[in-house]
PDB file of N, CA and C in Angstrom:
ATOM      1  N   MET A   1       0.834  -1.179   0.000  1.00  0.00           N
ATOM      2  CA  MET A   1       0.000   0.000   0.000  1.00  0.00           C
ATOM      3  C   MET A   1       0.880   1.244   0.000  1.00  0.00           C
ATOM      4  N   ILE A   2       0.463   2.248  -0.751  1.00  0.00           N
ATOM      5  CA  ILE A   2       1.196   3.495  -0.846  1.00  0.00           C
ATOM      6  C   ILE A   2       0.737   4.426   0.267  1.00  0.00           C
ATOM      7  N   THR A   3       1.703   5.081   0.910  1.00  0.00           N
ATOM      8  CA  THR A   3       1.391   6.052   1.946  1.00  0.00           C
ATOM      9  C   THR A   3       1.542   7.447   1.361  1.00  0.00           C
ATOM     10  N   TYR A   4       0.485   8.243   1.418  1.00  0.00           N
ATOM     11  CA  TYR A   4       0.525   9.625   0.935  1.00  0.00           C
ATOM     12  C   TYR A   4       0.678  10.553   2.127  1.00  0.00           C
ATOM     13  N   TYR A   5       1.586  11.517   2.003  1.00  0.00           N
ATOM     14  CA  TYR A   5       1.847  12.429   3.104  1.00  0.00           C
ATOM     15  C   TYR A   5       1.003  13.699   3.022  1.00  0.00           C
ATOM     16  N   SER A   6       0.156  13.764   2.027  1.00  0.00           N
ATOM     17  CA  SER A   6      -0.750  14.901   1.893  1.00  0.00           C
ATOM     18  C   SER A   6      -2.165  14.360   1.758  1.00  0.00           C
ATOM     19  N   ASP A   7      -3.077  14.901   2.551  1.00  0.00           N
ATOM     20  CA  ASP A   7      -4.472  14.461   2.481  1.00  0.00           C
ATOM     21  C   ASP A   7      -5.067  14.756   1.107  1.00  0.00           C
ATOM     22  N   ILE A   8      -4.663  15.867   0.512  1.00  0.00           N
ATOM     23  CA  ILE A   8      -5.191  16.229  -0.807  1.00  0.00           C
ATOM     24  C   ILE A   8      -4.745  15.212  -1.854  1.00  0.00           C
ATOM     25  N   VAL A   9      -3.473  14.870  -1.838  1.00  0.00           N
ATOM     26  CA  VAL A   9      -2.955  13.886  -2.800  1.00  0.00           C
ATOM     27  C   VAL A   9      -3.636  12.544  -2.582  1.00  0.00           C
ATOM     28  N   ARG A  10      -3.780  12.144  -1.339  1.00  0.00           N
ATOM     29  CA  ARG A  10      -4.432  10.869  -1.033  1.00  0.00           C
ATOM     30  C   ARG A  10      -5.862  10.856  -1.557  1.00  0.00           C
ATOM     31  N   GLU A  11      -6.600  11.936  -1.313  1.00  0.00           N
ATOM     32  CA  GLU A  11      -7.993  12.007  -1.772  1.00  0.00           C
ATOM     33  C   GLU A  11      -8.088  11.946  -3.291  1.00  0.00           C
ATOM     34  N   VAL A  12      -7.211  12.661  -3.967  1.00  0.00           N
ATOM     35  CA  VAL A  12      -7.216  12.642  -5.431  1.00  0.00           C
ATOM     36  C   VAL A  12      -6.886  11.251  -5.946  1.00  0.00           C
ATOM     37  N   MET A  13      -5.860  10.648  -5.411  1.00  0.00           N
ATOM     38  CA  MET A  13      -5.434   9.326  -5.875  1.00  0.00           C
ATOM     39  C   MET A  13      -6.510   8.264  -5.606  1.00  0.00           C
ATOM     40  N   GLU A  14      -7.195   8.375  -4.492  1.00  0.00           N
ATOM     41  CA  GLU A  14      -8.236   7.410  -4.170  1.00  0.00           C
ATOM     42  C   GLU A  14      -9.503   7.612  -4.997  1.00  0.00           C
ATOM     43  N   SER A  15      -9.651   8.800  -5.592  1.00  0.00           N
ATOM     44  CA  SER A  15     -10.847   9.081  -6.388  1.00  0.00           C
ATOM     45  C   SER A  15     -10.704   8.645  -7.848  1.00  0.00           C
ATOM     46  N   ILE A  16      -9.516   8.238  -8.251  1.00  0.00           N
ATOM     47  CA  ILE A  16      -9.293   7.812  -9.639  1.00  0.00           C
ATOM     48  C   ILE A  16      -9.949   6.450  -9.852  1.00  0.00           C
ATOM     49  N   THR A  17     -10.805   6.380 -10.868  1.00  0.00           N
ATOM     50  CA  THR A  17     -11.500   5.121 -11.150  1.00  0.00           C
ATOM     51  C   THR A  17     -10.569   4.170 -11.894  1.00  0.00           C
ATOM     52  N   PRO A  18     -10.874   2.881 -11.895  1.00  0.00           N
ATOM     53  CA  PRO A  18     -10.073   1.927 -12.661  1.00  0.00           C
ATOM     54  C   PRO A  18     -10.020   2.290 -14.154  1.00  0.00           C
ATOM     55  N   GLU A  19     -11.122   2.809 -14.678  1.00  0.00           N
ATOM     56  CA  GLU A  19     -11.147   3.201 -16.098  1.00  0.00           C
ATOM     57  C   GLU A  19     -10.196   4.363 -16.360  1.00  0.00           C
ATOM     58  N   GLU A  20     -10.195   5.343 -15.453  1.00  0.00           N
ATOM     59  CA  GLU A  20      -9.286   6.485 -15.597  1.00  0.00           C
ATOM     60  C   GLU A  20      -7.832   6.039 -15.494  1.00  0.00           C
ATOM     61  N   GLN A  21      -7.556   5.106 -14.604  1.00  0.00           N
ATOM     62  CA  GLN A  21      -6.189   4.600 -14.456  1.00  0.00           C
ATOM     63  C   GLN A  21      -5.766   3.828 -15.705  1.00  0.00           C
ATOM     64  N   ALA A  22      -6.674   3.022 -16.252  1.00  0.00           N
ATOM     65  CA  ALA A  22      -6.368   2.261 -17.467  1.00  0.00           C
ATOM     66  C   ALA A  22      -6.111   3.199 -18.639  1.00  0.00           C
ATOM     67  N   LEU A  23      -6.905   4.259 -18.759  1.00  0.00           N
ATOM     68  CA  LEU A  23      -6.697   5.239 -19.823  1.00  0.00           C
ATOM     69  C   LEU A  23      -5.349   5.929 -19.661  1.00  0.00           C
ATOM     70  N   SER A  24      -5.026   6.311 -18.449  1.00  0.00           N
ATOM     71  CA  SER A  24      -3.736   6.942 -18.182  1.00  0.00           C
ATOM     72  C   SER A  24      -2.580   6.008 -18.532  1.00  0.00           C
ATOM     73  N   ASP A  25      -2.702   4.744 -18.143  1.00  0.00           N
ATOM     74  CA  ASP A  25      -1.663   3.762 -18.456  1.00  0.00           C
ATOM     75  C   ASP A  25      -1.496   3.605 -19.966  1.00  0.00           C
ATOM     76  N   MET A  26      -2.630   3.576 -20.691  1.00  0.00           N
ATOM     77  CA  MET A  26      -2.566   3.398 -22.141  1.00  0.00           C
ATOM     78  C   MET A  26      -1.935   4.607 -22.828  1.00  0.00           C
ATOM     79  N   THR A  27      -2.396   5.814 -22.478  1.00  0.00           N
ATOM     80  CA  THR A  27      -1.857   7.001 -23.132  1.00  0.00           C
ATOM     81  C   THR A  27      -0.379   7.197 -22.792  1.00  0.00           C
ATOM     82  N   ASP A  28      -0.001   6.918 -21.558  1.00  0.00           N
ATOM     83  CA  ASP A  28       1.410   7.010 -21.191  1.00  0.00           C
ATOM     84  C   ASP A  28       2.234   5.953 -21.910  1.00  0.00           C
ATOM     85  N   GLY A  29       1.663   4.774 -22.105  1.00  0.00           N
ATOM     86  CA  GLY A  29       2.354   3.718 -22.834  1.00  0.00           C
ATOM     87  C   GLY A  29       2.587   4.082 -24.291  1.00  0.00           C
ATOM     88  N   ILE A  30       1.590   4.694 -24.928  1.00  0.00           N
ATOM     89  CA  ILE A  30       1.740   5.125 -26.318  1.00  0.00           C
ATOM     90  C   ILE A  30       2.818   6.199 -26.408  1.00  0.00           C
ATOM     91  N   ALA A  31       2.785   7.147 -25.491  1.00  0.00           N
ATOM     92  CA  ALA A  31       3.796   8.210 -25.473  1.00  0.00           C
ATOM     93  C   ALA A  31       5.191   7.629 -25.264  1.00  0.00           C
ATOM     94  N   GLY A  32       5.310   6.676 -24.373  1.00  0.00           N
ATOM     95  CA  GLY A  32       6.603   6.036 -24.122  1.00  0.00           C
ATOM     96  C   GLY A  32       7.113   5.263 -25.329  1.00  0.00           C
ATOM     97  N   ARG A  33       6.203   4.565 -25.997  1.00  0.00           N
ATOM     98  CA  ARG A  33       6.575   3.823 -27.209  1.00  0.00           C
ATOM     99  C   ARG A  33       7.028   4.786 -28.298  1.00  0.00           C
ATOM    100  N   LEU A  34       6.299   5.890 -28.483  1.00  0.00           N
ATOM    101  CA  LEU A  34       6.680   6.889 -29.480  1.00  0.00           C
ATOM    102  C   LEU A  34       8.050   7.467 -29.156  1.00  0.00           C
ATOM    103  N   ASP A  35       8.290   7.804 -27.910  1.00  0.00           N
ATOM    104  CA  ASP A  35       9.582   8.344 -27.497  1.00  0.00           C
ATOM    105  C   ASP A  35      10.712   7.358 -27.807  1.00  0.00           C
ATOM    106  N   ALA A  36      10.491   6.080 -27.517  1.00  0.00           N
ATOM    107  CA  ALA A  36      11.520   5.065 -27.772  1.00  0.00           C
ATOM    108  C   ALA A  36      11.812   4.927 -29.274  1.00  0.00           C
ATOM    109  N   VAL A  37      10.753   4.927 -30.080  1.00  0.00           N
ATOM    110  CA  VAL A  37      10.933   4.826 -31.538  1.00  0.00           C
ATOM    111  C   VAL A  37      11.697   6.039 -32.050  1.00  0.00           C
ATOM    112  N   MET A  38      11.321   7.220 -31.582  1.00  0.00           N
ATOM    113  CA  MET A  38      11.996   8.439 -32.032  1.00  0.00           C
ATOM    114  C   MET A  38      13.477   8.422 -31.649  1.00  0.00           C
ATOM    115  N   LYS A  39      13.789   7.989 -30.453  1.00  0.00           N
ATOM    116  CA  LYS A  39      15.197   7.923 -30.032  1.00  0.00           C
ATOM    117  C   LYS A  39      15.974   6.913 -30.862  1.00  0.00           C
ATOM    118  N   ARG A  40      15.379   5.750 -31.083  1.00  0.00           N
ATOM    119  CA  ARG A  40      16.066   4.703 -31.844  1.00  0.00           C
ATOM    120  C   ARG A  40      16.311   5.125 -33.287  1.00  0.00           C
ATOM    121  N   LYS A  41      15.367   5.864 -33.850  1.00  0.00           N
ATOM    122  CA  LYS A  41      15.472   6.278 -35.249  1.00  0.00           C
ATOM    123  C   LYS A  41      16.057   7.687 -35.397  1.00  0.00           C
ATOM    124  N   HIS A  42      16.469   8.278 -34.284  1.00  0.00           N
ATOM    125  CA  HIS A  42      17.058   9.622 -34.282  1.00  0.00           C
ATOM    126  C   HIS A  42      16.138  10.643 -34.956  1.00  0.00           C
ATOM    127  N   ILE A  43      14.863  10.617 -34.557  1.00  0.00           N
ATOM    128  CA  ILE A  43      13.868  11.564 -35.059  1.00  0.00           C
ATOM    129  C   ILE A  43      13.625  12.605 -33.969  1.00  0.00           C
ATOM    130  N   SER A  44      13.832  13.865 -34.295  1.00  0.00           N
ATOM    131  CA  SER A  44      13.600  14.944 -33.328  1.00  0.00           C
ATOM    132  C   SER A  44      12.117  15.313 -33.314  1.00  0.00           C
ATOM    133  N   LYS A  45      11.742  16.083 -32.301  1.00  0.00           N
ATOM    134  CA  LYS A  45      10.353  16.554 -32.215  1.00  0.00           C
ATOM    135  C   LYS A  45       9.998  17.386 -33.444  1.00  0.00           C
ATOM    136  N   SER A  46      10.904  18.275 -33.847  1.00  0.00           N
ATOM    137  CA  SER A  46      10.597  19.116 -35.007  1.00  0.00           C
ATOM    138  C   SER A  46      10.540  18.297 -36.283  1.00  0.00           C
ATOM    139  N   GLN A  47      11.347  17.259 -36.387  1.00  0.00           N
ATOM    140  CA  GLN A  47      11.267  16.390 -37.566  1.00  0.00           C
ATOM    141  C   GLN A  47       9.925  15.660 -37.603  1.00  0.00           C
ATOM    142  N   LEU A  48       9.491  15.137 -36.447  1.00  0.00           N
ATOM    143  CA  LEU A  48       8.204  14.443 -36.409  1.00  0.00           C
ATOM    144  C   LEU A  48       7.066  15.405 -36.724  1.00  0.00           C
ATOM    145  N   ALA A  49       7.172  16.628 -36.245  1.00  0.00           N
ATOM    146  CA  ALA A  49       6.152  17.630 -36.550  1.00  0.00           C
ATOM    147  C   ALA A  49       6.050  17.839 -38.064  1.00  0.00           C
ATOM    148  N   LYS A  50       7.180  17.960 -38.728  1.00  0.00           N
ATOM    149  CA  LYS A  50       7.178  18.133 -40.185  1.00  0.00           C
ATOM    150  C   LYS A  50       6.631  16.894 -40.880  1.00  0.00           C
ATOM    151  N   MET A  51       7.005  15.723 -40.395  1.00  0.00           N
ATOM    152  CA  MET A  51       6.571  14.456 -41.003  1.00  0.00           C
ATOM    153  C   MET A  51       5.053  14.260 -40.900  1.00  0.00           C
ATOM    154  N   THR A  52       4.465  14.805 -39.848  1.00  0.00           N
ATOM    155  CA  THR A  52       3.030  14.615 -39.611  1.00  0.00           C
ATOM    156  C   THR A  52       2.203  15.842 -39.972  1.00  0.00           C
ATOM    157  N   GLY A  53       2.859  16.924 -40.326  1.00  0.00           N
ATOM    158  CA  GLY A  53       2.131  18.150 -40.647  1.00  0.00           C
ATOM    159  C   GLY A  53       1.539  18.822 -39.425  1.00  0.00           C
ATOM    160  N   ARG A  54       2.110  18.570 -38.278  1.00  0.00           N
ATOM    161  CA  ARG A  54       1.628  19.144 -37.019  1.00  0.00           C
ATOM    162  C   ARG A  54       2.658  20.116 -36.465  1.00  0.00           C
ATOM    163  N   ARG A  55       2.266  20.876 -35.473  1.00  0.00           N
ATOM    164  CA  ARG A  55       3.176  21.819 -34.824  1.00  0.00           C
ATOM    165  C   ARG A  55       4.058  21.077 -33.818  1.00  0.00           C
ATOM    166  N   PRO A  56       5.272  21.572 -33.610  1.00  0.00           N
ATOM    167  CA  PRO A  56       6.140  20.945 -32.596  1.00  0.00           C
ATOM    168  C   PRO A  56       5.494  20.912 -31.214  1.00  0.00           C
ATOM    169  N   SER A  57       4.677  21.913 -30.890  1.00  0.00           N
ATOM    170  CA  SER A  57       4.018  21.932 -29.578  1.00  0.00           C
ATOM    171  C   SER A  57       3.063  20.749 -29.421  1.00  0.00           C
ATOM    172  N   GLU A  58       2.444  20.313 -30.536  1.00  0.00           N
ATOM    173  CA  GLU A  58       1.553  19.156 -30.451  1.00  0.00           C
ATOM    174  C   GLU A  58       2.350  17.879 -30.211  1.00  0.00           C
ATOM    175  N   VAL A  59       3.503  17.768 -30.864  1.00  0.00           N
ATOM    176  CA  VAL A  59       4.373  16.606 -30.637  1.00  0.00           C
ATOM    177  C   VAL A  59       4.799  16.571 -29.175  1.00  0.00           C
ATOM    178  N   THR A  60       5.107  17.724 -28.617  1.00  0.00           N
ATOM    179  CA  THR A  60       5.479  17.800 -27.197  1.00  0.00           C
ATOM    180  C   THR A  60       4.337  17.284 -26.326  1.00  0.00           C
ATOM    181  N   LYS A  61       3.099  17.630 -26.661  1.00  0.00           N
ATOM    182  CA  LYS A  61       1.934  17.124 -25.910  1.00  0.00           C
ATOM    183  C   LYS A  61       1.832  15.614 -26.041  1.00  0.00           C
ATOM    184  N   TRP A  62       2.050  15.090 -27.253  1.00  0.00           N
ATOM    185  CA  TRP A  62       1.997  13.639 -27.448  1.00  0.00           C
ATOM    186  C   TRP A  62       2.993  12.933 -26.539  1.00  0.00           C
ATOM    187  N   LEU A  63       4.189  13.485 -26.451  1.00  0.00           N
ATOM    188  CA  LEU A  63       5.264  12.837 -25.696  1.00  0.00           C
ATOM    189  C   LEU A  63       5.147  13.053 -24.194  1.00  0.00           C
ATOM    190  N   GLY A  64       4.330  14.012 -23.783  1.00  0.00           N
ATOM    191  CA  GLY A  64       4.211  14.327 -22.366  1.00  0.00           C
ATOM    192  C   GLY A  64       3.409  13.320 -21.565  1.00  0.00           C
ATOM    193  N   GLY A  65       2.695  12.446 -22.255  1.00  0.00           N
ATOM    194  CA  GLY A  65       1.840  11.494 -21.548  1.00  0.00           C
ATOM    195  C   GLY A  65       0.511  12.136 -21.212  1.00  0.00           C
ATOM    196  N   GLY A  66      -0.498  11.325 -21.099  1.00  0.00           N
ATOM    197  CA  GLY A  66      -1.815  11.828 -20.755  1.00  0.00           C
ATOM    198  C   GLY A  66      -2.607  12.372 -21.931  1.00  0.00           C
ATOM    199  N   HIS A  67      -1.993  12.412 -23.119  1.00  0.00           N
ATOM    200  CA  HIS A  67      -2.710  12.897 -24.296  1.00  0.00           C
ATOM    201  C   HIS A  67      -3.696  11.823 -24.746  1.00  0.00           C
ATOM    202  N   ASN A  68      -4.935  12.207 -24.993  1.00  0.00           N
ATOM    203  CA  ASN A  68      -5.946  11.255 -25.436  1.00  0.00           C
ATOM    204  C   ASN A  68      -5.857  11.110 -26.954  1.00  0.00           C
ATOM    205  N   PHE A  69      -5.010  10.201 -27.400  1.00  0.00           N
ATOM    206  CA  PHE A  69      -4.782   9.976 -28.825  1.00  0.00           C
ATOM    207  C   PHE A  69      -6.044   9.471 -29.512  1.00  0.00           C
ATOM    208  N   THR A  70      -6.328  10.007 -30.687  1.00  0.00           N
ATOM    209  CA  THR A  70      -7.381   9.437 -31.518  1.00  0.00           C
ATOM    210  C   THR A  70      -6.752   8.351 -32.387  1.00  0.00           C
ATOM    211  N   CYS A  71      -7.575   7.473 -32.906  1.00  0.00           N
ATOM    212  CA  CYS A  71      -7.067   6.447 -33.829  1.00  0.00           C
ATOM    213  C   CYS A  71      -6.424   7.113 -35.043  1.00  0.00           C
ATOM    214  N   LYS A  72      -7.031   8.185 -35.514  1.00  0.00           N
ATOM    215  CA  LYS A  72      -6.499   8.906 -36.672  1.00  0.00           C
ATOM    216  C   LYS A  72      -5.087   9.425 -36.391  1.00  0.00           C
ATOM    217  N   THR A  73      -4.873   9.968 -35.210  1.00  0.00           N
ATOM    218  CA  THR A  73      -3.554  10.482 -34.851  1.00  0.00           C
ATOM    219  C   THR A  73      -2.545   9.349 -34.726  1.00  0.00           C
ATOM    220  N   ILE A  74      -2.950   8.239 -34.136  1.00  0.00           N
ATOM    221  CA  ILE A  74      -2.044   7.097 -34.007  1.00  0.00           C
ATOM    222  C   ILE A  74      -1.621   6.603 -35.386  1.00  0.00           C
ATOM    223  N   VAL A  75      -2.575   6.487 -36.311  1.00  0.00           N
ATOM    224  CA  VAL A  75      -2.256   6.044 -37.672  1.00  0.00           C
ATOM    225  C   VAL A  75      -1.306   7.033 -38.343  1.00  0.00           C
ATOM    226  N   LEU A  76      -1.568   8.320 -38.197  1.00  0.00           N
ATOM    227  CA  LEU A  76      -0.713   9.362 -38.771  1.00  0.00           C
ATOM    228  C   LEU A  76       0.724   9.217 -38.267  1.00  0.00           C
ATOM    229  N   ILE A  77       0.877   9.057 -36.966  1.00  0.00           N
ATOM    230  CA  ILE A  77       2.213   8.932 -36.371  1.00  0.00           C
ATOM    231  C   ILE A  77       2.882   7.641 -36.825  1.00  0.00           C
ATOM    232  N   GLN A  78       2.142   6.534 -36.796  1.00  0.00           N
ATOM    233  CA  GLN A  78       2.713   5.246 -37.205  1.00  0.00           C
ATOM    234  C   GLN A  78       3.221   5.294 -38.638  1.00  0.00           C
ATOM    235  N   GLN A  79       2.453   5.916 -39.530  1.00  0.00           N
ATOM    236  CA  GLN A  79       2.880   6.020 -40.921  1.00  0.00           C
ATOM    237  C   GLN A  79       4.109   6.908 -41.046  1.00  0.00           C
ATOM    238  N   ALA A  80       4.176   7.945 -40.244  1.00  0.00           N
ATOM    239  CA  ALA A  80       5.326   8.853 -40.299  1.00  0.00           C
ATOM    240  C   ALA A  80       6.608   8.171 -39.819  1.00  0.00           C
ATOM    241  N   VAL A  81       6.517   7.414 -38.728  1.00  0.00           N
ATOM    242  CA  VAL A  81       7.733   6.791 -38.172  1.00  0.00           C
ATOM    243  C   VAL A  81       7.996   5.401 -38.737  1.00  0.00           C
ATOM    244  N   GLY A  82       7.024   4.856 -39.446  1.00  0.00           N
ATOM    245  CA  GLY A  82       7.216   3.545 -40.074  1.00  0.00           C
ATOM    246  C   GLY A  82       7.208   2.373 -39.117  1.00  0.00           C
ATOM    247  N   GLU A  83       6.526   2.552 -37.982  1.00  0.00           N
ATOM    248  CA  GLU A  83       6.438   1.485 -36.976  1.00  0.00           C
ATOM    249  C   GLU A  83       5.116   1.568 -36.254  1.00  0.00           C
ATOM    250  N   ASP A  84       4.648   0.414 -35.783  1.00  0.00           N
ATOM    251  CA  ASP A  84       3.422   0.391 -34.982  1.00  0.00           C
ATOM    252  C   ASP A  84       3.692   0.943 -33.590  1.00  0.00           C
ATOM    253  N   LEU A  85       2.790   1.771 -33.129  1.00  0.00           N
ATOM    254  CA  LEU A  85       2.788   2.188 -31.728  1.00  0.00           C
ATOM    255  C   LEU A  85       1.781   1.347 -30.967  1.00  0.00           C
ATOM    256  N   VAL A  86       0.720   0.938 -31.687  1.00  0.00           N
ATOM    257  CA  VAL A  86      -0.368   0.147 -31.126  1.00  0.00           C
ATOM    258  C   VAL A  86      -0.677  -0.955 -32.129  1.00  0.00           C
ATOM    259  N   ARG A  87      -0.895  -2.133 -31.636  1.00  0.00           N
ATOM    260  CA  ARG A  87      -1.314  -3.242 -32.495  1.00  0.00           C
ATOM    261  C   ARG A  87      -2.702  -3.674 -32.074  1.00  0.00           C
ATOM    262  N   VAL A  88      -3.548  -3.866 -33.057  1.00  0.00           N
ATOM    263  CA  VAL A  88      -4.920  -4.293 -32.789  1.00  0.00           C
ATOM    264  C   VAL A  88      -5.053  -5.745 -33.234  1.00  0.00           C
ATOM    265  N   VAL A  89      -5.566  -6.567 -32.337  1.00  0.00           N
ATOM    266  CA  VAL A  89      -5.799  -7.970 -32.658  1.00  0.00           C
ATOM    267  C   VAL A  89      -7.247  -8.099 -33.073  1.00  0.00           C
ATOM    268  N   SER A  90      -7.459  -8.504 -34.302  1.00  0.00           N
ATOM    269  CA  SER A  90      -8.808  -8.617 -34.819  1.00  0.00           C
ATOM    270  C   SER A  90      -9.407  -9.963 -34.455  1.00  0.00           C
ATOM    271  N   GLY A  91     -10.665  -9.950 -34.031  1.00  0.00           N
ATOM    272  CA  GLY A  91     -11.367 -11.184 -33.726  1.00  0.00           C
ATOM    273  C   GLY A  91     -12.030 -11.774 -34.954  1.00  0.00           C
ATOM    274  N   ARG A  92     -11.977 -11.028 -36.030  1.00  0.00           N
ATOM    275  CA  ARG A  92     -12.595 -11.505 -37.265  1.00  0.00           C
ATOM    276  C   ARG A  92     -11.717 -12.517 -37.968  1.00  0.00           C
ATOM    277  N   ARG A  93     -12.364 -13.382 -38.692  1.00  0.00           N
ATOM    278  CA  ARG A  93     -11.627 -14.371 -39.499  1.00  0.00           C
ATOM    279  C   ARG A  93     -12.159 -14.329 -40.889  1.00  0.00           C
TER     280      ARG A  93
END
């Protein structure tokens, strides 16, 4: 169990729903994966901005974690960097 030394922090942390935590984990995971791909491929924030037609400030938001990525944005980024950030397993046959 985590001990919080501030009542405010404890109250906020205890009010987070499982769905909110799962969303946070997912968005942070996507941001972390993007950061790793960019480092491995030596892609700067400004280069990714040019590759995606977005502003560098938006790339900074993507990498900061907590950004609620749309599927369209994920596809745009994946095509720009040439790698999957998210893989979808289809149940269809």
